């Protein structure tokens, strides 16, 4: 980086403003990467930089600086989510303490499943519901049922 593009670090208020402006933009977090969408993203970053600089009285930030800061925030939020997930799943030693960080929490909420991961219904780390399995015989076929099943003629529970 050349020295002229180096500016003072963003304050927490500036960072929250950046996150709010990114959340309001429809094109910045769009995952499509064709030529048309890339032009729209560049225009959105230009507009975001103008809005950001009009709201902040300190240093003027370029779209490239804001884009880099947003990328770094996404990386930090994903890393924090991964560390929290690892801490939750490890055995023994108690829970690690992660101090609350409203900026990274807001970024993680914007990223959604990209940050928190997908939930697996069966297998993996899913919680198993507390239900009892009942074996029911229906026309000489054995099937597993959740809860209780009635007999075919309705005389009672199996």
N, C-alpha and C. Protein backbone atom coordinates (compact mmCIF):
# COMPACT_ATOMS: atom_id res chain seq x y z
N UNK A 1 0.84 -1.18 0.00
CA UNK A 1 0.00 0.00 0.00
C UNK A 1 0.88 1.24 0.00
N UNK A 2 0.51 2.20 -0.78
CA UNK A 2 1.26 3.44 -0.73
C UNK A 2 0.81 4.26 0.47
N UNK A 3 1.69 5.10 1.01
CA UNK A 3 1.38 5.81 2.25
C UNK A 3 0.17 6.73 2.15
N UNK A 4 -0.15 7.23 0.96
CA UNK A 4 -1.27 8.16 0.85
C UNK A 4 -2.63 7.48 1.07
N UNK A 5 -2.70 6.15 0.85
CA UNK A 5 -3.97 5.46 1.04
C UNK A 5 -4.15 4.95 2.46
N UNK A 6 -3.13 5.11 3.29
CA UNK A 6 -3.20 4.66 4.68
C UNK A 6 -3.91 5.74 5.50
N UNK A 7 -4.90 5.35 6.26
CA UNK A 7 -5.63 6.29 7.09
C UNK A 7 -5.67 5.75 8.52
N UNK A 8 -6.18 6.54 9.41
CA UNK A 8 -6.32 6.11 10.80
C UNK A 8 -7.32 4.97 10.88
N UNK A 9 -7.17 4.10 11.87
CA UNK A 9 -8.13 3.00 12.01
C UNK A 9 -9.54 3.52 12.24
N UNK A 10 -10.50 2.74 11.80
CA UNK A 10 -11.90 3.13 11.98
C UNK A 10 -12.29 3.01 13.44
N UNK A 11 -13.10 3.95 13.88
CA UNK A 11 -13.64 3.86 15.23
C UNK A 11 -14.79 2.86 15.23
N UNK A 12 -15.25 2.52 16.43
CA UNK A 12 -16.37 1.58 16.53
C UNK A 12 -17.64 2.15 15.90
N UNK A 13 -17.84 3.45 16.06
CA UNK A 13 -19.02 4.09 15.46
C UNK A 13 -18.95 4.06 13.94
N UNK A 14 -17.76 4.30 13.39
CA UNK A 14 -17.61 4.24 11.94
C UNK A 14 -17.84 2.82 11.43
N UNK A 15 -17.35 1.85 12.19
CA UNK A 15 -17.52 0.45 11.79
C UNK A 15 -19.00 0.06 11.82
N UNK A 16 -19.71 0.49 12.85
CA UNK A 16 -21.15 0.19 12.92
C UNK A 16 -21.90 0.88 11.78
N UNK A 17 -21.49 2.09 11.42
CA UNK A 17 -22.11 2.78 10.29
C UNK A 17 -21.88 2.00 9.00
N UNK A 18 -20.66 1.50 8.82
CA UNK A 18 -20.35 0.69 7.64
C UNK A 18 -21.23 -0.55 7.59
N UNK A 19 -21.38 -1.23 8.72
CA UNK A 19 -22.20 -2.44 8.77
C UNK A 19 -23.66 -2.11 8.45
N UNK A 20 -24.16 -1.01 8.97
CA UNK A 20 -25.54 -0.62 8.69
C UNK A 20 -25.74 -0.28 7.21
N UNK A 21 -24.77 0.40 6.62
CA UNK A 21 -24.88 0.74 5.20
C UNK A 21 -24.80 -0.50 4.32
N UNK A 22 -23.95 -1.45 4.69
CA UNK A 22 -23.85 -2.70 3.93
C UNK A 22 -25.15 -3.49 4.06
N UNK A 23 -25.73 -3.50 5.26
CA UNK A 23 -26.98 -4.23 5.47
C UNK A 23 -28.11 -3.63 4.64
N UNK A 24 -28.07 -2.32 4.42
CA UNK A 24 -29.12 -1.66 3.65
C UNK A 24 -28.95 -1.86 2.15
N UNK A 25 -27.76 -2.25 1.71
CA UNK A 25 -27.50 -2.41 0.28
C UNK A 25 -27.94 -3.80 -0.18
N UNK A 26 -28.63 -3.84 -1.31
CA UNK A 26 -29.12 -5.12 -1.83
C UNK A 26 -28.06 -5.82 -2.68
N UNK A 27 -27.11 -5.09 -3.22
CA UNK A 27 -26.18 -5.68 -4.18
C UNK A 27 -24.87 -6.15 -3.56
N UNK A 28 -24.46 -5.58 -2.46
CA UNK A 28 -23.12 -5.87 -1.93
C UNK A 28 -22.99 -7.32 -1.48
N UNK A 29 -23.99 -7.87 -0.84
CA UNK A 29 -23.90 -9.25 -0.37
C UNK A 29 -24.48 -10.25 -1.37
N UNK A 30 -24.77 -9.81 -2.57
CA UNK A 30 -25.27 -10.70 -3.61
C UNK A 30 -24.15 -11.64 -4.03
N UNK A 31 -24.43 -12.94 -4.10
CA UNK A 31 -23.39 -13.91 -4.41
C UNK A 31 -23.14 -14.10 -5.90
N UNK A 32 -23.99 -13.54 -6.74
CA UNK A 32 -23.79 -13.66 -8.18
C UNK A 32 -22.57 -12.85 -8.59
N UNK A 33 -21.76 -13.43 -9.50
CA UNK A 33 -20.51 -12.77 -9.88
C UNK A 33 -20.39 -12.60 -11.38
N UNK A 34 -21.49 -12.42 -12.08
CA UNK A 34 -21.38 -12.16 -13.51
C UNK A 34 -21.03 -10.68 -13.74
N UNK A 35 -20.78 -10.31 -14.98
CA UNK A 35 -20.30 -8.95 -15.29
C UNK A 35 -21.31 -7.89 -14.87
N UNK A 36 -22.57 -8.14 -15.10
CA UNK A 36 -23.60 -7.16 -14.75
C UNK A 36 -23.65 -6.93 -13.24
N UNK A 37 -23.66 -8.01 -12.48
CA UNK A 37 -23.73 -7.87 -11.03
C UNK A 37 -22.45 -7.27 -10.46
N UNK A 38 -21.30 -7.56 -11.07
CA UNK A 38 -20.06 -6.95 -10.60
C UNK A 38 -20.08 -5.44 -10.80
N UNK A 39 -20.63 -4.97 -11.92
CA UNK A 39 -20.76 -3.53 -12.15
C UNK A 39 -21.71 -2.91 -11.13
N UNK A 40 -22.82 -3.61 -10.86
CA UNK A 40 -23.77 -3.12 -9.86
C UNK A 40 -23.13 -3.06 -8.47
N UNK A 41 -22.30 -4.05 -8.16
CA UNK A 41 -21.60 -4.05 -6.87
C UNK A 41 -20.63 -2.88 -6.78
N UNK A 42 -19.89 -2.63 -7.86
CA UNK A 42 -18.96 -1.49 -7.86
C UNK A 42 -19.71 -0.17 -7.67
N UNK A 43 -20.84 -0.03 -8.35
CA UNK A 43 -21.65 1.17 -8.18
C UNK A 43 -22.19 1.28 -6.76
N UNK A 44 -22.58 0.14 -6.18
CA UNK A 44 -23.09 0.14 -4.81
C UNK A 44 -21.99 0.55 -3.83
N UNK A 45 -20.76 0.10 -4.06
CA UNK A 45 -19.65 0.49 -3.19
C UNK A 45 -19.35 1.99 -3.34
N UNK A 46 -19.46 2.51 -4.56
CA UNK A 46 -19.25 3.95 -4.78
C UNK A 46 -20.30 4.75 -4.01
N UNK A 47 -21.55 4.33 -4.13
CA UNK A 47 -22.64 5.01 -3.42
C UNK A 47 -22.47 4.89 -1.91
N UNK A 48 -22.08 3.71 -1.46
CA UNK A 48 -21.87 3.49 -0.03
C UNK A 48 -20.76 4.40 0.48
N UNK A 49 -19.68 4.56 -0.29
CA UNK A 49 -18.57 5.42 0.13
C UNK A 49 -19.02 6.87 0.25
N UNK A 50 -19.85 7.32 -0.69
CA UNK A 50 -20.37 8.69 -0.62
C UNK A 50 -21.23 8.87 0.62
N UNK A 51 -22.13 7.91 0.88
CA UNK A 51 -22.99 7.98 2.07
C UNK A 51 -22.16 7.93 3.35
N UNK A 52 -21.16 7.05 3.36
CA UNK A 52 -20.31 6.91 4.54
C UNK A 52 -19.55 8.21 4.81
N UNK A 53 -18.94 8.76 3.78
CA UNK A 53 -18.13 9.98 3.96
C UNK A 53 -18.99 11.19 4.29
N UNK A 54 -20.24 11.21 3.86
CA UNK A 54 -21.11 12.33 4.22
C UNK A 54 -21.58 12.24 5.67
N UNK A 55 -21.57 11.03 6.24
CA UNK A 55 -22.02 10.85 7.62
C UNK A 55 -20.89 10.97 8.63
N UNK A 56 -19.65 10.78 8.18
CA UNK A 56 -18.50 10.78 9.08
C UNK A 56 -17.69 12.04 8.84
N UNK A 57 -17.32 12.71 9.92
CA UNK A 57 -16.60 13.97 9.77
C UNK A 57 -15.08 13.81 9.85
N UNK A 58 -14.60 12.60 10.14
CA UNK A 58 -13.15 12.42 10.27
C UNK A 58 -12.53 12.17 8.90
N UNK A 59 -11.88 11.07 8.71
CA UNK A 59 -11.16 10.79 7.47
C UNK A 59 -12.11 10.37 6.36
N UNK A 60 -11.77 10.77 5.15
CA UNK A 60 -12.53 10.34 3.97
C UNK A 60 -12.02 8.96 3.56
N UNK A 61 -12.90 8.01 3.40
CA UNK A 61 -12.53 6.63 3.05
C UNK A 61 -12.89 6.37 1.59
N UNK A 62 -12.02 5.63 0.92
CA UNK A 62 -12.28 5.26 -0.47
C UNK A 62 -13.13 3.99 -0.49
N UNK A 63 -13.80 3.72 -1.61
CA UNK A 63 -14.56 2.46 -1.70
C UNK A 63 -13.68 1.23 -1.50
N UNK A 64 -12.43 1.29 -1.96
CA UNK A 64 -11.52 0.15 -1.78
C UNK A 64 -11.22 -0.08 -0.29
N UNK A 65 -11.04 1.00 0.47
CA UNK A 65 -10.79 0.87 1.90
C UNK A 65 -12.00 0.29 2.62
N UNK A 66 -13.19 0.77 2.26
CA UNK A 66 -14.41 0.27 2.89
C UNK A 66 -14.64 -1.19 2.53
N UNK A 67 -14.35 -1.55 1.29
CA UNK A 67 -14.51 -2.94 0.84
C UNK A 67 -13.55 -3.86 1.59
N UNK A 68 -12.31 -3.41 1.78
CA UNK A 68 -11.32 -4.19 2.52
C UNK A 68 -11.75 -4.35 3.98
N UNK A 69 -12.24 -3.28 4.58
CA UNK A 69 -12.71 -3.34 5.97
C UNK A 69 -13.88 -4.33 6.09
N UNK A 70 -14.81 -4.31 5.14
CA UNK A 70 -15.95 -5.23 5.16
C UNK A 70 -15.46 -6.67 5.03
N UNK A 71 -14.50 -6.92 4.16
CA UNK A 71 -13.94 -8.26 4.02
C UNK A 71 -13.28 -8.73 5.31
N UNK A 72 -12.55 -7.84 5.97
CA UNK A 72 -11.90 -8.19 7.23
C UNK A 72 -12.93 -8.45 8.33
N UNK A 73 -14.02 -7.68 8.34
CA UNK A 73 -15.08 -7.91 9.33
C UNK A 73 -15.74 -9.27 9.11
N UNK A 74 -15.96 -9.64 7.85
CA UNK A 74 -16.57 -10.95 7.57
C UNK A 74 -15.65 -12.07 8.03
N UNK A 75 -14.34 -11.94 7.77
CA UNK A 75 -13.39 -12.97 8.21
C UNK A 75 -13.38 -13.09 9.73
N UNK A 76 -13.35 -11.95 10.41
CA UNK A 76 -13.32 -11.96 11.88
C UNK A 76 -14.60 -12.57 12.45
N UNK A 77 -15.75 -12.27 11.85
CA UNK A 77 -17.02 -12.82 12.33
C UNK A 77 -17.07 -14.33 12.13
N UNK A 78 -16.62 -14.80 10.96
CA UNK A 78 -16.60 -16.25 10.71
C UNK A 78 -15.66 -16.96 11.67
N UNK A 79 -14.50 -16.36 11.93
CA UNK A 79 -13.53 -16.96 12.84
C UNK A 79 -14.08 -17.03 14.26
N UNK A 80 -14.75 -15.96 14.68
CA UNK A 80 -15.35 -15.93 16.02
C UNK A 80 -16.44 -16.99 16.15
N UNK A 81 -17.29 -17.11 15.12
CA UNK A 81 -18.35 -18.13 15.14
C UNK A 81 -17.75 -19.53 15.18
N UNK A 82 -16.69 -19.76 14.41
CA UNK A 82 -16.05 -21.07 14.39
C UNK A 82 -15.45 -21.39 15.75
N UNK A 83 -14.80 -20.42 16.38
CA UNK A 83 -14.22 -20.65 17.70
C UNK A 83 -15.29 -20.92 18.75
N UNK A 84 -16.42 -20.23 18.65
CA UNK A 84 -17.51 -20.47 19.59
C UNK A 84 -18.10 -21.86 19.39
N UNK A 85 -18.24 -22.29 18.12
CA UNK A 85 -18.77 -23.62 17.83
C UNK A 85 -17.81 -24.70 18.32
N UNK A 86 -16.52 -24.52 18.12
CA UNK A 86 -15.52 -25.48 18.60
C UNK A 86 -15.55 -25.55 20.12
N UNK A 87 -15.67 -24.40 20.77
CA UNK A 87 -15.72 -24.37 22.23
C UNK A 87 -16.95 -25.09 22.76
N UNK A 88 -18.08 -24.94 22.07
CA UNK A 88 -19.32 -25.59 22.49
C UNK A 88 -19.24 -27.10 22.37
N UNK A 89 -18.52 -27.59 21.35
CA UNK A 89 -18.50 -29.02 21.07
C UNK A 89 -17.38 -29.78 21.76
N UNK A 90 -16.41 -29.08 22.33
CA UNK A 90 -15.31 -29.81 22.95
C UNK A 90 -15.73 -30.34 24.32
N UNK A 91 -15.04 -31.36 24.76
CA UNK A 91 -15.40 -32.00 26.02
C UNK A 91 -14.50 -31.50 27.13
N UNK A 92 -15.08 -31.36 28.31
CA UNK A 92 -14.32 -30.99 29.50
C UNK A 92 -13.81 -29.57 29.47
N UNK A 93 -13.36 -29.13 30.62
CA UNK A 93 -12.73 -27.83 30.69
C UNK A 93 -13.67 -26.64 30.75
N UNK A 94 -14.95 -26.86 30.68
CA UNK A 94 -15.90 -25.76 30.75
C UNK A 94 -15.97 -24.95 29.48
N UNK A 95 -16.79 -23.95 29.49
CA UNK A 95 -16.97 -23.10 28.32
C UNK A 95 -15.93 -21.98 28.31
N UNK A 96 -15.44 -21.66 27.14
CA UNK A 96 -14.57 -20.50 27.00
C UNK A 96 -15.44 -19.26 27.01
N UNK A 97 -14.86 -18.17 27.47
CA UNK A 97 -15.61 -16.92 27.51
C UNK A 97 -15.28 -16.10 26.27
N UNK A 98 -16.31 -15.71 25.54
CA UNK A 98 -16.15 -14.83 24.39
C UNK A 98 -16.85 -13.52 24.74
N UNK A 99 -16.09 -12.45 24.91
CA UNK A 99 -16.74 -11.18 25.27
C UNK A 99 -17.69 -10.73 24.16
N UNK A 100 -18.79 -10.12 24.54
CA UNK A 100 -19.75 -9.68 23.53
C UNK A 100 -19.12 -8.62 22.62
N UNK A 101 -19.40 -8.74 21.35
CA UNK A 101 -18.91 -7.79 20.36
C UNK A 101 -20.07 -7.49 19.42
N UNK A 102 -20.69 -6.33 19.61
CA UNK A 102 -21.90 -6.03 18.86
C UNK A 102 -21.64 -5.90 17.36
N UNK A 103 -20.45 -5.45 16.98
CA UNK A 103 -20.14 -5.31 15.55
C UNK A 103 -20.07 -6.68 14.90
N UNK A 104 -19.28 -7.59 15.48
CA UNK A 104 -19.13 -8.92 14.90
C UNK A 104 -20.42 -9.73 14.98
N UNK A 105 -21.21 -9.51 16.03
CA UNK A 105 -22.51 -10.19 16.12
C UNK A 105 -23.45 -9.72 15.01
N UNK A 106 -23.42 -8.43 14.72
CA UNK A 106 -24.26 -7.89 13.64
C UNK A 106 -23.80 -8.43 12.28
N UNK A 107 -22.47 -8.50 12.08
CA UNK A 107 -21.94 -9.03 10.82
C UNK A 107 -22.32 -10.50 10.69
N UNK A 108 -22.21 -11.26 11.79
CA UNK A 108 -22.58 -12.68 11.75
C UNK A 108 -24.05 -12.86 11.42
N UNK A 109 -24.90 -11.99 11.94
CA UNK A 109 -26.33 -12.10 11.63
C UNK A 109 -26.59 -11.78 10.16
N UNK A 110 -25.81 -10.88 9.58
CA UNK A 110 -25.96 -10.57 8.15
C UNK A 110 -25.47 -11.73 7.28
N UNK A 111 -24.43 -12.42 7.74
CA UNK A 111 -23.88 -13.53 6.96
C UNK A 111 -24.76 -14.77 7.03
N UNK A 112 -25.51 -14.93 8.10
CA UNK A 112 -26.43 -16.07 8.23
C UNK A 112 -25.71 -17.39 8.28
N UNK A 113 -26.13 -18.35 7.44
CA UNK A 113 -25.55 -19.69 7.44
C UNK A 113 -24.09 -19.71 7.02
N UNK A 114 -23.64 -18.69 6.33
CA UNK A 114 -22.24 -18.62 5.95
C UNK A 114 -21.36 -18.58 7.19
N UNK A 115 -21.86 -17.98 8.23
CA UNK A 115 -21.09 -17.85 9.47
C UNK A 115 -21.44 -18.95 10.47
N UNK A 116 -22.71 -19.17 10.68
CA UNK A 116 -23.12 -20.10 11.73
C UNK A 116 -23.08 -21.54 11.28
N UNK A 117 -23.08 -21.81 10.00
CA UNK A 117 -23.09 -23.18 9.49
C UNK A 117 -24.51 -23.68 9.35
N UNK A 118 -24.63 -24.76 8.62
CA UNK A 118 -25.95 -25.35 8.41
C UNK A 118 -26.27 -26.31 9.54
N UNK A 119 -27.54 -26.41 9.90
CA UNK A 119 -27.93 -27.36 10.92
C UNK A 119 -28.22 -28.70 10.26
N UNK A 120 -27.75 -29.75 10.89
CA UNK A 120 -27.95 -31.09 10.37
C UNK A 120 -29.04 -31.74 11.20
N UNK A 121 -30.12 -32.14 10.55
CA UNK A 121 -31.25 -32.69 11.29
C UNK A 121 -30.94 -34.06 11.87
N UNK A 122 -30.29 -34.91 11.08
CA UNK A 122 -29.97 -36.25 11.54
C UNK A 122 -28.47 -36.44 11.47
N UNK A 123 -27.91 -36.98 12.54
CA UNK A 123 -26.47 -37.19 12.58
C UNK A 123 -25.76 -35.90 12.94
N UNK A 124 -24.46 -35.92 12.89
CA UNK A 124 -23.70 -34.72 13.18
C UNK A 124 -23.88 -34.30 14.62
N UNK A 125 -24.06 -33.01 14.84
CA UNK A 125 -24.18 -32.45 16.18
C UNK A 125 -25.62 -32.13 16.55
N UNK A 126 -26.57 -32.70 15.83
CA UNK A 126 -27.97 -32.38 16.07
C UNK A 126 -28.41 -32.95 17.42
N UNK A 127 -29.32 -32.26 18.07
CA UNK A 127 -29.88 -32.77 19.31
C UNK A 127 -30.99 -33.76 18.96
N UNK A 128 -31.02 -34.84 19.68
CA UNK A 128 -32.00 -35.89 19.41
C UNK A 128 -33.25 -35.61 20.24
N UNK A 129 -34.42 -35.56 19.61
CA UNK A 129 -35.64 -35.32 20.39
C UNK A 129 -35.91 -36.48 21.33
N UNK A 130 -36.54 -36.17 22.45
CA UNK A 130 -36.81 -37.17 23.48
C UNK A 130 -38.16 -37.83 23.18
N UNK A 131 -38.16 -38.85 22.33
CA UNK A 131 -39.37 -39.59 21.99
C UNK A 131 -39.10 -41.07 22.16
N UNK A 132 -40.16 -41.82 22.38
CA UNK A 132 -40.01 -43.27 22.51
C UNK A 132 -40.42 -43.93 21.20
N UNK A 133 -39.73 -45.00 20.86
CA UNK A 133 -40.06 -45.73 19.64
C UNK A 133 -40.92 -46.94 20.00
N UNK A 134 -41.95 -47.16 19.23
CA UNK A 134 -42.86 -48.28 19.45
C UNK A 134 -42.87 -49.11 18.18
N UNK A 135 -42.76 -50.43 18.34
CA UNK A 135 -42.80 -51.30 17.18
C UNK A 135 -44.24 -51.73 16.95
N UNK A 136 -44.75 -51.48 15.77
CA UNK A 136 -46.12 -51.85 15.43
C UNK A 136 -46.10 -52.86 14.30
N UNK A 137 -47.00 -53.84 14.41
CA UNK A 137 -47.08 -54.86 13.36
C UNK A 137 -48.31 -54.55 12.52
N UNK A 138 -48.08 -54.25 11.26
CA UNK A 138 -49.17 -53.94 10.35
C UNK A 138 -49.06 -54.89 9.17
N UNK A 139 -50.07 -55.78 9.05
CA UNK A 139 -50.13 -56.75 7.97
C UNK A 139 -48.80 -57.47 7.79
N UNK A 140 -48.32 -58.04 8.85
CA UNK A 140 -47.09 -58.84 8.88
C UNK A 140 -45.83 -58.05 8.54
N UNK A 141 -45.92 -56.75 8.46
CA UNK A 141 -44.73 -55.92 8.27
C UNK A 141 -44.43 -55.22 9.58
N UNK A 142 -43.18 -55.16 9.94
CA UNK A 142 -42.79 -54.49 11.17
C UNK A 142 -42.30 -53.10 10.80
N UNK A 143 -42.86 -52.09 11.44
CA UNK A 143 -42.45 -50.71 11.22
C UNK A 143 -42.19 -50.06 12.56
N UNK A 144 -41.27 -49.12 12.56
CA UNK A 144 -41.01 -48.34 13.76
C UNK A 144 -41.86 -47.09 13.71
N UNK A 145 -42.54 -46.81 14.80
CA UNK A 145 -43.40 -45.64 14.88
C UNK A 145 -42.93 -44.77 16.04
N UNK A 146 -43.12 -43.49 15.91
CA UNK A 146 -42.80 -42.58 17.00
C UNK A 146 -44.05 -42.44 17.85
N UNK A 147 -43.88 -42.58 19.16
CA UNK A 147 -45.01 -42.46 20.07
C UNK A 147 -45.77 -43.77 20.15
N UNK A 148 -47.08 -43.70 20.13
CA UNK A 148 -47.92 -44.89 20.24
C UNK A 148 -48.70 -45.09 18.95
N UNK A 149 -48.97 -46.34 18.65
CA UNK A 149 -49.73 -46.67 17.44
C UNK A 149 -50.94 -47.50 17.84
N UNK A 150 -52.03 -47.35 17.11
CA UNK A 150 -53.22 -48.16 17.35
C UNK A 150 -53.18 -49.37 16.45
N UNK A 151 -53.87 -50.43 16.89
CA UNK A 151 -53.96 -51.62 16.05
C UNK A 151 -54.87 -51.32 14.87
N UNK A 152 -54.80 -52.20 13.87
CA UNK A 152 -55.56 -51.99 12.64
C UNK A 152 -57.06 -51.96 12.89
N UNK A 153 -57.53 -52.82 13.79
CA UNK A 153 -58.98 -52.86 14.05
C UNK A 153 -59.40 -51.83 15.10
N UNK A 154 -58.48 -51.04 15.63
CA UNK A 154 -58.82 -49.97 16.55
C UNK A 154 -59.09 -50.43 17.97
N UNK A 155 -58.74 -51.70 18.34
CA UNK A 155 -59.05 -52.22 19.66
C UNK A 155 -58.15 -51.65 20.75
N UNK A 156 -57.04 -51.17 20.43
CA UNK A 156 -56.17 -50.67 21.50
C UNK A 156 -54.83 -50.21 20.96
N UNK A 157 -53.99 -49.93 21.89
CA UNK A 157 -52.66 -49.43 21.55
C UNK A 157 -51.68 -50.58 21.48
N UNK A 158 -50.72 -50.45 20.61
CA UNK A 158 -49.66 -51.46 20.48
C UNK A 158 -48.49 -51.01 21.30
